[in-house]
Amino acid sequence: MPLWFARGLRRGIVTTRYPARPDGSSASLPTPPAFRLAALTRPVADRLCAACPNGALRRENDVLIFDVGACTACGRCADAAPEAVVPSGQFELASTDRSALIKRIPLAGAGR
């Protein structure tokens, strides 16, 4: 049992001070991707979709559909296209409306 856990139980501390004060360990959590719009082309979007093991990414014509609710932040999309994907830094994602978790991202060069 980690020492900090045992010490916390002895002192009666059963939780962190979150959300009043951010927990320092949150900086190391994996987060869903954010996309560099200028680098999102059809071939890049196809690579991203092929790399996603959960089906959180799919392409419909000139739009990349990103289902944040299905994303496990595995990082495979960032490995497949590092020029187009960066960590979002957001790990607190919740919604009472499922459709709010589905993002439609236009691809570069769409409509031209």
PDB file of N, CA and C in Angstrom:
ATOM      1  N   MET A   1       0.850  -1.166   0.000  1.00  0.00           N
ATOM      2  CA  MET A   1       0.000   0.000   0.000  1.00  0.00           C
ATOM      3  C   MET A   1       0.900   1.235   0.000  1.00  0.00           C
ATOM      4  N   PRO A   2       0.640   2.164  -0.924  1.00  0.00           N
ATOM      5  CA  PRO A   2       1.481   3.356  -0.969  1.00  0.00           C
ATOM      6  C   PRO A   2       1.479   4.098   0.368  1.00  0.00           C
ATOM      7  N   LEU A   3       2.628   4.622   0.696  1.00  0.00           N
ATOM      8  CA  LEU A   3       2.812   5.315   1.965  1.00  0.00           C
ATOM      9  C   LEU A   3       1.861   6.502   2.123  1.00  0.00           C
ATOM     10  N   TRP A   4       1.661   7.283   1.053  1.00  0.00           N
ATOM     11  CA  TRP A   4       0.791   8.453   1.141  1.00  0.00           C
ATOM     12  C   TRP A   4      -0.639   8.051   1.465  1.00  0.00           C
ATOM     13  N   PHE A   5      -1.069   6.892   0.975  1.00  0.00           N
ATOM     14  CA  PHE A   5      -2.424   6.410   1.225  1.00  0.00           C
ATOM     15  C   PHE A   5      -2.586   6.054   2.707  1.00  0.00           C
ATOM     16  N   ALA A   6      -1.627   5.302   3.240  1.00  0.00           N
ATOM     17  CA  ALA A   6      -1.678   4.916   4.652  1.00  0.00           C
ATOM     18  C   ALA A   6      -1.606   6.143   5.553  1.00  0.00           C
ATOM     19  N   ARG A   7      -0.744   7.103   5.209  1.00  0.00           N
ATOM     20  CA  ARG A   7      -0.616   8.325   6.000  1.00  0.00           C
ATOM     21  C   ARG A   7      -1.933   9.110   5.983  1.00  0.00           C
ATOM     22  N   GLY A   8      -2.556   9.188   4.837  1.00  0.00           N
ATOM     23  CA  GLY A   8      -3.834   9.891   4.724  1.00  0.00           C
ATOM     24  C   GLY A   8      -4.926   9.246   5.556  1.00  0.00           C
ATOM     25  N   LEU A   9      -4.968   7.923   5.561  1.00  0.00           N
ATOM     26  CA  LEU A   9      -5.968   7.240   6.369  1.00  0.00           C
ATOM     27  C   LEU A   9      -5.722   7.476   7.863  1.00  0.00           C
ATOM     28  N   ARG A  10      -4.465   7.440   8.279  1.00  0.00           N
ATOM     29  CA  ARG A  10      -4.136   7.694   9.686  1.00  0.00           C
ATOM     30  C   ARG A  10      -4.555   9.097  10.111  1.00  0.00           C
ATOM     31  N   ARG A  11      -4.384  10.061   9.225  1.00  0.00           N
ATOM     32  CA  ARG A  11      -4.708  11.455   9.551  1.00  0.00           C
ATOM     33  C   ARG A  11      -6.180  11.793   9.299  1.00  0.00           C
ATOM     34  N   GLY A  12      -6.915  10.871   8.734  1.00  0.00           N
ATOM     35  CA  GLY A  12      -8.323  11.114   8.451  1.00  0.00           C
ATOM     36  C   GLY A  12      -8.575  11.820   7.127  1.00  0.00           C
ATOM     37  N   ILE A  13      -7.559  11.891   6.277  1.00  0.00           N
ATOM     38  CA  ILE A  13      -7.716  12.518   4.961  1.00  0.00           C
ATOM     39  C   ILE A  13      -8.149  11.420   3.988  1.00  0.00           C
ATOM     40  N   VAL A  14      -9.333  11.567   3.436  1.00  0.00           N
ATOM     41  CA  VAL A  14      -9.829  10.531   2.539  1.00  0.00           C
ATOM     42  C   VAL A  14      -9.970  11.016   1.101  1.00  0.00           C
ATOM     43  N   THR A  15      -9.645  12.258   0.842  1.00  0.00           N
ATOM     44  CA  THR A  15      -9.726  12.777  -0.520  1.00  0.00           C
ATOM     45  C   THR A  15      -8.705  13.900  -0.695  1.00  0.00           C
ATOM     46  N   THR A  16      -8.511  14.307  -1.911  1.00  0.00           N
ATOM     47  CA  THR A  16      -7.624  15.446  -2.161  1.00  0.00           C
ATOM     48  C   THR A  16      -8.417  16.737  -2.001  1.00  0.00           C
ATOM     49  N   ARG A  17      -7.782  17.842  -2.199  1.00  0.00           N
ATOM     50  CA  ARG A  17      -8.470  19.127  -2.099  1.00  0.00           C
ATOM     51  C   ARG A  17      -9.139  19.522  -3.421  1.00  0.00           C
ATOM     52  N   TYR A  18      -9.155  18.608  -4.348  1.00  0.00           N
ATOM     53  CA  TYR A  18      -9.778  18.843  -5.643  1.00  0.00           C
ATOM     54  C   TYR A  18     -11.278  18.985  -5.450  1.00  0.00           C
ATOM     55  N   PRO A  19     -11.985  19.871  -6.112  1.00  0.00           N
ATOM     56  CA  PRO A  19     -11.604  20.781  -7.182  1.00  0.00           C
ATOM     57  C   PRO A  19     -11.191  22.168  -6.704  1.00  0.00           C
ATOM     58  N   ALA A  20     -11.206  22.413  -5.405  1.00  0.00           N
ATOM     59  CA  ALA A  20     -10.813  23.732  -4.907  1.00  0.00           C
ATOM     60  C   ALA A  20      -9.378  24.063  -5.293  1.00  0.00           C
ATOM     61  N   ARG A  21      -8.511  23.063  -5.314  1.00  0.00           N
ATOM     62  CA  ARG A  21      -7.125  23.245  -5.714  1.00  0.00           C
ATOM     63  C   ARG A  21      -6.759  22.082  -6.629  1.00  0.00           C
ATOM     64  N   PRO A  22      -6.281  22.350  -7.817  1.00  0.00           N
ATOM     65  CA  PRO A  22      -5.945  21.270  -8.742  1.00  0.00           C
ATOM     66  C   PRO A  22      -4.939  20.296  -8.146  1.00  0.00           C
ATOM     67  N   ASP A  23      -5.127  19.037  -8.437  1.00  0.00           N
ATOM     68  CA  ASP A  23      -4.207  18.006  -7.993  1.00  0.00           C
ATOM     69  C   ASP A  23      -2.997  18.014  -8.918  1.00  0.00           C
ATOM     70  N   GLY A  24      -1.810  18.012  -8.365  1.00  0.00           N
ATOM     71  CA  GLY A  24      -0.590  18.073  -9.159  1.00  0.00           C
ATOM     72  C   GLY A  24      -0.417  16.902 -10.108  1.00  0.00           C
ATOM     73  N   SER A  25      -0.999  15.760  -9.780  1.00  0.00           N
ATOM     74  CA  SER A  25      -0.827  14.586 -10.639  1.00  0.00           C
ATOM     75  C   SER A  25      -1.636  14.685 -11.926  1.00  0.00           C
ATOM     76  N   SER A  26      -2.565  15.635 -12.014  1.00  0.00           N
ATOM     77  CA  SER A  26      -3.389  15.742 -13.219  1.00  0.00           C
ATOM     78  C   SER A  26      -2.572  16.101 -14.452  1.00  0.00           C
ATOM     79  N   ALA A  27      -1.413  16.714 -14.272  1.00  0.00           N
ATOM     80  CA  ALA A  27      -0.572  17.093 -15.417  1.00  0.00           C
ATOM     81  C   ALA A  27      -0.036  15.875 -16.154  1.00  0.00           C
ATOM     82  N   SER A  28       0.027  14.731 -15.490  1.00  0.00           N
ATOM     83  CA  SER A  28       0.576  13.541 -16.131  1.00  0.00           C
ATOM     84  C   SER A  28      -0.502  12.600 -16.667  1.00  0.00           C
ATOM     85  N   LEU A  29      -1.766  12.981 -16.560  1.00  0.00           N
ATOM     86  CA  LEU A  29      -2.844  12.125 -17.053  1.00  0.00           C
ATOM     87  C   LEU A  29      -2.912  12.165 -18.578  1.00  0.00           C
ATOM     88  N   PRO A  30      -3.209  11.027 -19.209  1.00  0.00           N
ATOM     89  CA  PRO A  30      -3.425  11.068 -20.661  1.00  0.00           C
ATOM     90  C   PRO A  30      -4.742  11.794 -20.946  1.00  0.00           C
ATOM     91  N   THR A  31      -4.750  12.580 -21.999  1.00  0.00           N
ATOM     92  CA  THR A  31      -5.951  13.343 -22.344  1.00  0.00           C
ATOM     93  C   THR A  31      -6.327  13.092 -23.796  1.00  0.00           C
ATOM     94  N   PRO A  32      -7.597  13.301 -24.139  1.00  0.00           N
ATOM     95  CA  PRO A  32      -8.005  13.150 -25.534  1.00  0.00           C
ATOM     96  C   PRO A  32      -7.231  14.106 -26.433  1.00  0.00           C
ATOM     97  N   PRO A  33      -7.205  13.835 -27.719  1.00  0.00           N
ATOM     98  CA  PRO A  33      -6.437  14.679 -28.629  1.00  0.00           C
ATOM     99  C   PRO A  33      -7.117  16.004 -28.940  1.00  0.00           C
ATOM    100  N   ALA A  34      -6.293  16.943 -29.340  1.00  0.00           N
ATOM    101  CA  ALA A  34      -6.735  18.182 -29.979  1.00  0.00           C
ATOM    102  C   ALA A  34      -6.088  18.148 -31.362  1.00  0.00           C
ATOM    103  N   PHE A  35      -6.691  18.797 -32.313  1.00  0.00           N
ATOM    104  CA  PHE A  35      -6.230  18.684 -33.696  1.00  0.00           C
ATOM    105  C   PHE A  35      -5.749  20.024 -34.233  1.00  0.00           C
ATOM    106  N   ARG A  36      -4.645  19.977 -34.967  1.00  0.00           N
ATOM    107  CA  ARG A  36      -4.151  21.159 -35.687  1.00  0.00           C
ATOM    108  C   ARG A  36      -4.901  21.207 -37.016  1.00  0.00           C
ATOM    109  N   LEU A  37      -5.792  22.152 -37.125  1.00  0.00           N
ATOM    110  CA  LEU A  37      -6.692  22.191 -38.276  1.00  0.00           C
ATOM    111  C   LEU A  37      -5.960  22.313 -39.602  1.00  0.00           C
ATOM    112  N   ALA A  38      -4.885  23.056 -39.656  1.00  0.00           N
ATOM    113  CA  ALA A  38      -4.155  23.246 -40.911  1.00  0.00           C
ATOM    114  C   ALA A  38      -3.539  21.946 -41.410  1.00  0.00           C
ATOM    115  N   ALA A  39      -3.276  21.007 -40.524  1.00  0.00           N
ATOM    116  CA  ALA A  39      -2.643  19.741 -40.909  1.00  0.00           C
ATOM    117  C   ALA A  39      -3.648  18.627 -41.184  1.00  0.00           C
ATOM    118  N   LEU A  40      -4.938  18.888 -40.952  1.00  0.00           N
ATOM    119  CA  LEU A  40      -5.952  17.853 -41.152  1.00  0.00           C
ATOM    120  C   LEU A  40      -6.417  17.825 -42.605  1.00  0.00           C
ATOM    121  N   THR A  41      -5.886  16.905 -43.355  1.00  0.00           N
ATOM    122  CA  THR A  41      -6.296  16.690 -44.739  1.00  0.00           C
ATOM    123  C   THR A  41      -6.996  15.336 -44.814  1.00  0.00           C
ATOM    124  N   ARG A  42      -7.555  15.012 -45.963  1.00  0.00           N
ATOM    125  CA  ARG A  42      -8.212  13.706 -46.108  1.00  0.00           C
ATOM    126  C   ARG A  42      -7.260  12.543 -45.821  1.00  0.00           C
ATOM    127  N   PRO A  43      -6.047  12.523 -46.400  1.00  0.00           N
ATOM    128  CA  PRO A  43      -5.150  11.400 -46.098  1.00  0.00           C
ATOM    129  C   PRO A  43      -4.773  11.307 -44.616  1.00  0.00           C
ATOM    130  N   VAL A  44      -4.562  12.445 -43.984  1.00  0.00           N
ATOM    131  CA  VAL A  44      -4.225  12.444 -42.557  1.00  0.00           C
ATOM    132  C   VAL A  44      -5.423  11.942 -41.749  1.00  0.00           C
ATOM    133  N   ALA A  45      -6.621  12.424 -42.077  1.00  0.00           N
ATOM    134  CA  ALA A  45      -7.825  11.972 -41.380  1.00  0.00           C
ATOM    135  C   ALA A  45      -8.026  10.466 -41.545  1.00  0.00           C
ATOM    136  N   ASP A  46      -7.757   9.944 -42.724  1.00  0.00           N
ATOM    137  CA  ASP A  46      -7.878   8.500 -42.947  1.00  0.00           C
ATOM    138  C   ASP A  46      -6.873   7.722 -42.098  1.00  0.00           C
ATOM    139  N   ARG A  47      -5.638   8.260 -41.979  1.00  0.00           N
ATOM    140  CA  ARG A  47      -4.634   7.624 -41.111  1.00  0.00           C
ATOM    141  C   ARG A  47      -5.090   7.625 -39.655  1.00  0.00           C
ATOM    142  N   LEU A  48      -5.654   8.739 -39.216  1.00  0.00           N
ATOM    143  CA  LEU A  48      -6.142   8.838 -37.842  1.00  0.00           C
ATOM    144  C   LEU A  48      -7.262   7.834 -37.581  1.00  0.00           C
ATOM    145  N   CYS A  49      -8.193   7.743 -38.501  1.00  0.00           N
ATOM    146  CA  CYS A  49      -9.316   6.815 -38.345  1.00  0.00           C
ATOM    147  C   CYS A  49      -8.835   5.366 -38.298  1.00  0.00           C
ATOM    148  N   ALA A  50      -7.867   5.039 -39.136  1.00  0.00           N
ATOM    149  CA  ALA A  50      -7.336   3.674 -39.161  1.00  0.00           C
ATOM    150  C   ALA A  50      -6.586   3.336 -37.876  1.00  0.00           C
ATOM    151  N   ALA A  51      -5.987   4.331 -37.245  1.00  0.00           N
ATOM    152  CA  ALA A  51      -5.198   4.089 -36.034  1.00  0.00           C
ATOM    153  C   ALA A  51      -6.058   3.963 -34.776  1.00  0.00           C
ATOM    154  N   CYS A  52      -7.268   4.494 -34.797  1.00  0.00           N
ATOM    155  CA  CYS A  52      -8.106   4.528 -33.593  1.00  0.00           C
ATOM    156  C   CYS A  52      -8.739   3.156 -33.339  1.00  0.00           C
ATOM    157  N   PRO A  53      -8.386   2.503 -32.215  1.00  0.00           N
ATOM    158  CA  PRO A  53      -8.919   1.175 -31.946  1.00  0.00           C
ATOM    159  C   PRO A  53     -10.364   1.192 -31.438  1.00  0.00           C
ATOM    160  N   ASN A  54     -10.884   2.353 -31.054  1.00  0.00           N
ATOM    161  CA  ASN A  54     -12.221   2.432 -30.464  1.00  0.00           C
ATOM    162  C   ASN A  54     -13.283   3.004 -31.389  1.00  0.00           C
ATOM    163  N   GLY A  55     -12.887   3.392 -32.582  1.00  0.00           N
ATOM    164  CA  GLY A  55     -13.848   3.984 -33.502  1.00  0.00           C
ATOM    165  C   GLY A  55     -14.271   5.387 -33.087  1.00  0.00           C
ATOM    166  N   ALA A  56     -13.447   6.067 -32.316  1.00  0.00           N
ATOM    167  CA  ALA A  56     -13.771   7.427 -31.883  1.00  0.00           C
ATOM    168  C   ALA A  56     -13.570   8.436 -33.003  1.00  0.00           C
ATOM    169  N   LEU A  57     -12.862   8.046 -34.053  1.00  0.00           N
ATOM    170  CA  LEU A  57     -12.612   8.925 -35.190  1.00  0.00           C
ATOM    171  C   LEU A  57     -13.161   8.284 -36.460  1.00  0.00           C
ATOM    172  N   ARG A  58     -13.869   9.079 -37.233  1.00  0.00           N
ATOM    173  CA  ARG A  58     -14.307   8.622 -38.556  1.00  0.00           C
ATOM    174  C   ARG A  58     -14.411   9.838 -39.465  1.00  0.00           C
ATOM    175  N   ARG A  59     -14.286   9.584 -40.752  1.00  0.00           N
ATOM    176  CA  ARG A  59     -14.351  10.693 -41.708  1.00  0.00           C
ATOM    177  C   ARG A  59     -15.612  10.566 -42.533  1.00  0.00           C
ATOM    178  N   GLU A  60     -16.317  11.686 -42.672  1.00  0.00           N
ATOM    179  CA  GLU A  60     -17.474  11.781 -43.566  1.00  0.00           C
ATOM    180  C   GLU A  60     -17.184  12.909 -44.543  1.00  0.00           C
ATOM    181  N   ASN A  61     -16.834  12.540 -45.754  1.00  0.00           N
ATOM    182  CA  ASN A  61     -16.459  13.506 -46.785  1.00  0.00           C
ATOM    183  C   ASN A  61     -15.343  14.417 -46.287  1.00  0.00           C
ATOM    184  N   ASP A  62     -15.597  15.699 -46.128  1.00  0.00           N
ATOM    185  CA  ASP A  62     -14.558  16.651 -45.719  1.00  0.00           C
ATOM    186  C   ASP A  62     -14.676  17.046 -44.247  1.00  0.00           C
ATOM    187  N   VAL A  63     -15.188  16.136 -43.422  1.00  0.00           N
ATOM    188  CA  VAL A  63     -15.349  16.400 -41.993  1.00  0.00           C
ATOM    189  C   VAL A  63     -14.825  15.200 -41.207  1.00  0.00           C
ATOM    190  N   LEU A  64     -14.011  15.475 -40.191  1.00  0.00           N
ATOM    191  CA  LEU A  64     -13.556  14.441 -39.266  1.00  0.00           C
ATOM    192  C   LEU A  64     -14.518  14.451 -38.085  1.00  0.00           C
ATOM    193  N   ILE A  65     -15.129  13.315 -37.805  1.00  0.00           N
ATOM    194  CA  ILE A  65     -16.051  13.179 -36.688  1.00  0.00           C
ATOM    195  C   ILE A  65     -15.270  12.586 -35.525  1.00  0.00           C
ATOM    196  N   PHE A  66     -15.217  13.313 -34.409  1.00  0.00           N
ATOM    197  CA  PHE A  66     -14.484  12.882 -33.229  1.00  0.00           C
ATOM    198  C   PHE A  66     -15.472  12.663 -32.090  1.00  0.00           C
ATOM    199  N   ASP A  67     -15.622  11.419 -31.673  1.00  0.00           N
ATOM    200  CA  ASP A  67     -16.511  11.057 -30.574  1.00  0.00           C
ATOM    201  C   ASP A  67     -15.688  11.031 -29.290  1.00  0.00           C
ATOM    202  N   VAL A  68     -15.728  12.119 -28.547  1.00  0.00           N
ATOM    203  CA  VAL A  68     -14.935  12.246 -27.331  1.00  0.00           C
ATOM    204  C   VAL A  68     -15.348  11.191 -26.302  1.00  0.00           C
ATOM    205  N   GLY A  69     -16.610  10.814 -26.295  1.00  0.00           N
ATOM    206  CA  GLY A  69     -17.097   9.813 -25.350  1.00  0.00           C
ATOM    207  C   GLY A  69     -16.541   8.428 -25.610  1.00  0.00           C
ATOM    208  N   ALA A  70     -16.124   8.147 -26.821  1.00  0.00           N
ATOM    209  CA  ALA A  70     -15.554   6.834 -27.151  1.00  0.00           C
ATOM    210  C   ALA A  70     -14.035   6.828 -27.054  1.00  0.00           C
ATOM    211  N   CYS A  71     -13.433   7.992 -26.956  1.00  0.00           N
ATOM    212  CA  CYS A  71     -11.967   8.108 -26.921  1.00  0.00           C
ATOM    213  C   CYS A  71     -11.430   7.666 -25.562  1.00  0.00           C
ATOM    214  N   THR A  72     -10.404   6.819 -25.577  1.00  0.00           N
ATOM    215  CA  THR A  72      -9.765   6.377 -24.337  1.00  0.00           C
ATOM    216  C   THR A  72      -8.420   7.054 -24.115  1.00  0.00           C
ATOM    217  N   ALA A  73      -8.085   8.027 -24.946  1.00  0.00           N
ATOM    218  CA  ALA A  73      -6.820   8.773 -24.845  1.00  0.00           C
ATOM    219  C   ALA A  73      -5.615   7.842 -24.913  1.00  0.00           C
ATOM    220  N   CYS A  74      -5.687   6.864 -25.806  1.00  0.00           N
ATOM    221  CA  CYS A  74      -4.598   5.885 -25.929  1.00  0.00           C
ATOM    222  C   CYS A  74      -3.362   6.467 -26.602  1.00  0.00           C
ATOM    223  N   GLY A  75      -3.535   7.528 -27.412  1.00  0.00           N
ATOM    224  CA  GLY A  75      -2.407   8.177 -28.055  1.00  0.00           C
ATOM    225  C   GLY A  75      -2.024   7.598 -29.406  1.00  0.00           C
ATOM    226  N   ARG A  76      -2.758   6.616 -29.901  1.00  0.00           N
ATOM    227  CA  ARG A  76      -2.404   6.024 -31.197  1.00  0.00           C
ATOM    228  C   ARG A  76      -2.596   6.996 -32.349  1.00  0.00           C
ATOM    229  N   CYS A  77      -3.563   7.893 -32.226  1.00  0.00           N
ATOM    230  CA  CYS A  77      -3.749   8.891 -33.282  1.00  0.00           C
ATOM    231  C   CYS A  77      -2.549   9.839 -33.328  1.00  0.00           C
ATOM    232  N   ALA A  78      -2.026  10.206 -32.168  1.00  0.00           N
ATOM    233  CA  ALA A  78      -0.852  11.079 -32.122  1.00  0.00           C
ATOM    234  C   ALA A  78       0.366  10.375 -32.700  1.00  0.00           C
ATOM    235  N   ASP A  79       0.473   9.069 -32.503  1.00  0.00           N
ATOM    236  CA  ASP A  79       1.573   8.307 -33.090  1.00  0.00           C
ATOM    237  C   ASP A  79       1.430   8.231 -34.615  1.00  0.00           C
ATOM    238  N   ALA A  80       0.186   8.117 -35.098  1.00  0.00           N
ATOM    239  CA  ALA A  80      -0.055   7.983 -36.534  1.00  0.00           C
ATOM    240  C   ALA A  80       0.131   9.293 -37.290  1.00  0.00           C
ATOM    241  N   ALA A  81      -0.182  10.409 -36.640  1.00  0.00           N
ATOM    242  CA  ALA A  81      -0.074  11.711 -37.318  1.00  0.00           C
ATOM    243  C   ALA A  81       0.346  12.788 -36.321  1.00  0.00           C
ATOM    244  N   PRO A  82       1.606  12.760 -35.897  1.00  0.00           N
ATOM    245  CA  PRO A  82       2.058  13.741 -34.900  1.00  0.00           C
ATOM    246  C   PRO A  82       1.997  15.180 -35.393  1.00  0.00           C
ATOM    247  N   GLU A  83       1.972  15.372 -36.704  1.00  0.00           N
ATOM    248  CA  GLU A  83       1.877  16.731 -37.235  1.00  0.00           C
ATOM    249  C   GLU A  83       0.481  17.324 -37.067  1.00  0.00           C
ATOM    250  N   ALA A  84      -0.519  16.470 -36.823  1.00  0.00           N
ATOM    251  CA  ALA A  84      -1.902  16.935 -36.754  1.00  0.00           C
ATOM    252  C   ALA A  84      -2.544  16.790 -35.379  1.00  0.00           C
ATOM    253  N   VAL A  85      -1.897  16.073 -34.466  1.00  0.00           N
ATOM    254  CA  VAL A  85      -2.523  15.766 -33.173  1.00  0.00           C
ATOM    255  C   VAL A  85      -1.620  16.205 -32.022  1.00  0.00           C
ATOM    256  N   VAL A  86      -2.224  16.858 -31.045  1.00  0.00           N
ATOM    257  CA  VAL A  86      -1.538  17.232 -29.805  1.00  0.00           C
ATOM    258  C   VAL A  86      -2.454  16.862 -28.642  1.00  0.00           C
ATOM    259  N   PRO A  87      -1.908  16.650 -27.453  1.00  0.00           N
ATOM    260  CA  PRO A  87      -2.773  16.396 -26.298  1.00  0.00           C
ATOM    261  C   PRO A  87      -3.605  17.637 -25.980  1.00  0.00           C
ATOM    262  N   SER A  88      -4.857  17.444 -25.641  1.00  0.00           N
ATOM    263  CA  SER A  88      -5.729  18.583 -25.339  1.00  0.00           C
ATOM    264  C   SER A  88      -5.477  19.150 -23.951  1.00  0.00           C
ATOM    265  N   GLY A  89      -4.992  18.317 -23.040  1.00  0.00           N
ATOM    266  CA  GLY A  89      -4.801  18.772 -21.673  1.00  0.00           C
ATOM    267  C   GLY A  89      -6.077  18.788 -20.860  1.00  0.00           C
ATOM    268  N   GLN A  90      -7.189  18.391 -21.458  1.00  0.00           N
ATOM    269  CA  GLN A  90      -8.475  18.373 -20.764  1.00  0.00           C
ATOM    270  C   GLN A  90      -8.834  16.943 -20.411  1.00  0.00           C
ATOM    271  N   PHE A  91      -8.950  16.680 -19.121  1.00  0.00           N
ATOM    272  CA  PHE A  91      -9.331  15.337 -18.721  1.00  0.00           C
ATOM    273  C   PHE A  91     -10.693  15.308 -18.050  1.00  0.00           C
ATOM    274  N   GLU A  92     -11.259  16.464 -17.776  1.00  0.00           N
ATOM    275  CA  GLU A  92     -12.589  16.537 -17.173  1.00  0.00           C
ATOM    276  C   GLU A  92     -13.610  16.745 -18.275  1.00  0.00           C
ATOM    277  N   LEU A  93     -14.130  15.686 -18.792  1.00  0.00           N
ATOM    278  CA  LEU A  93     -15.087  15.769 -19.880  1.00  0.00           C
ATOM    279  C   LEU A  93     -16.367  15.058 -19.449  1.00  0.00           C
ATOM    280  N   ALA A  94     -17.442  15.805 -19.381  1.00  0.00           N
ATOM    281  CA  ALA A  94     -18.722  15.224 -19.006  1.00  0.00           C
ATOM    282  C   ALA A  94     -19.828  16.029 -19.670  1.00  0.00           C
ATOM    283  N   SER A  95     -20.937  15.366 -19.906  1.00  0.00           N
ATOM    284  CA  SER A  95     -22.077  16.042 -20.493  1.00  0.00           C
ATOM    285  C   SER A  95     -23.334  15.245 -20.181  1.00  0.00           C
ATOM    286  N   THR A  96     -24.427  15.932 -20.031  1.00  0.00           N
ATOM    287  CA  THR A  96     -25.704  15.241 -19.854  1.00  0.00           C
ATOM    288  C   THR A  96     -26.341  14.951 -21.202  1.00  0.00           C
ATOM    289  N   ASP A  97     -25.752  15.496 -22.254  1.00  0.00           N
ATOM    290  CA  ASP A  97     -26.256  15.308 -23.614  1.00  0.00           C
ATOM    291  C   ASP A  97     -25.182  14.598 -24.438  1.00  0.00           C
ATOM    292  N   ARG A  98     -25.436  13.371 -24.840  1.00  0.00           N
ATOM    293  CA  ARG A  98     -24.453  12.569 -25.572  1.00  0.00           C
ATOM    294  C   ARG A  98     -23.965  13.268 -26.832  1.00  0.00           C
ATOM    295  N   SER A  99     -24.829  13.986 -27.509  1.00  0.00           N
ATOM    296  CA  SER A  99     -24.436  14.643 -28.760  1.00  0.00           C
ATOM    297  C   SER A  99     -23.402  15.751 -28.530  1.00  0.00           C
ATOM    298  N   ALA A 100     -23.294  16.255 -27.320  1.00  0.00           N
ATOM    299  CA  ALA A 100     -22.305  17.293 -27.023  1.00  0.00           C
ATOM    300  C   ALA A 100     -20.881  16.737 -27.042  1.00  0.00           C
ATOM    301  N   LEU A 101     -20.743  15.422 -26.991  1.00  0.00           N
ATOM    302  CA  LEU A 101     -19.424  14.788 -27.004  1.00  0.00           C
ATOM    303  C   LEU A 101     -18.955  14.432 -28.412  1.00  0.00           C
ATOM    304  N   ILE A 102     -19.761  14.747 -29.410  1.00  0.00           N
ATOM    305  CA  ILE A 102     -19.399  14.443 -30.789  1.00  0.00           C
ATOM    306  C   ILE A 102     -19.021  15.746 -31.491  1.00  0.00           C
ATOM    307  N   LYS A 103     -17.759  15.817 -31.910  1.00  0.00           N
ATOM    308  CA  LYS A 103     -17.217  17.026 -32.532  1.00  0.00           C
ATOM    309  C   LYS A 103     -17.077  16.816 -34.032  1.00  0.00           C
ATOM    310  N   ARG A 104     -17.482  17.814 -34.794  1.00  0.00           N
ATOM    311  CA  ARG A 104     -17.346  17.794 -36.252  1.00  0.00           C
ATOM    312  C   ARG A 104     -16.246  18.793 -36.622  1.00  0.00           C
ATOM    313  N   ILE A 105     -15.152  18.267 -37.148  1.00  0.00           N
ATOM    314  CA  ILE A 105     -13.973  19.077 -37.428  1.00  0.00           C
ATOM    315  C   ILE A 105     -13.756  19.147 -38.947  1.00  0.00           C
ATOM    316  N   PRO A 106     -13.870  20.340 -39.547  1.00  0.00           N
ATOM    317  CA  PRO A 106     -13.676  20.444 -40.998  1.00  0.00           C
ATOM    318  C   PRO A 106     -12.212  20.182 -41.362  1.00  0.00           C
ATOM    319  N   LEU A 107     -12.023  19.500 -42.468  1.00  0.00           N
ATOM    320  CA  LEU A 107     -10.675  19.186 -42.934  1.00  0.00           C
ATOM    321  C   LEU A 107     -10.110  20.356 -43.716  1.00  0.00           C
ATOM    322  N   ALA A 108      -8.785  20.469 -43.711  1.00  0.00           N
ATOM    323  CA  ALA A 108      -8.106  21.524 -44.450  1.00  0.00           C
ATOM    324  C   ALA A 108      -8.372  21.351 -45.946  1.00  0.00           C
ATOM    325  N   GLY A 109      -8.638  22.445 -46.606  1.00  0.00           N
ATOM    326  CA  GLY A 109      -8.905  22.406 -48.043  1.00  0.00           C
ATOM    327  C   GLY A 109     -10.341  22.033 -48.370  1.00  0.00           C
ATOM    328  N   ALA A 110     -11.204  21.833 -47.373  1.00  0.00           N
ATOM    329  CA  ALA A 110     -12.599  21.474 -47.628  1.00  0.00           C
ATOM    330  C   ALA A 110     -13.336  22.644 -48.255  1.00  0.00           C
ATOM    331  N   GLY A 111     -14.135  22.353 -49.223  1.00  0.00           N
ATOM    332  CA  GLY A 111     -14.966  23.362 -49.863  1.00  0.00           C
ATOM    333  C   GLY A 111     -14.226  24.262 -50.826  1.00  0.00           C
ATOM    334  N   ARG A 112     -13.021  23.883 -51.189  1.00  0.00           N
ATOM    335  CA  ARG A 112     -12.253  24.733 -52.128  1.00  0.00           C
ATOM    336  C   ARG A 112     -12.273  24.142 -53.496  1.00  0.00           C
TER     337      ARG A 112
END
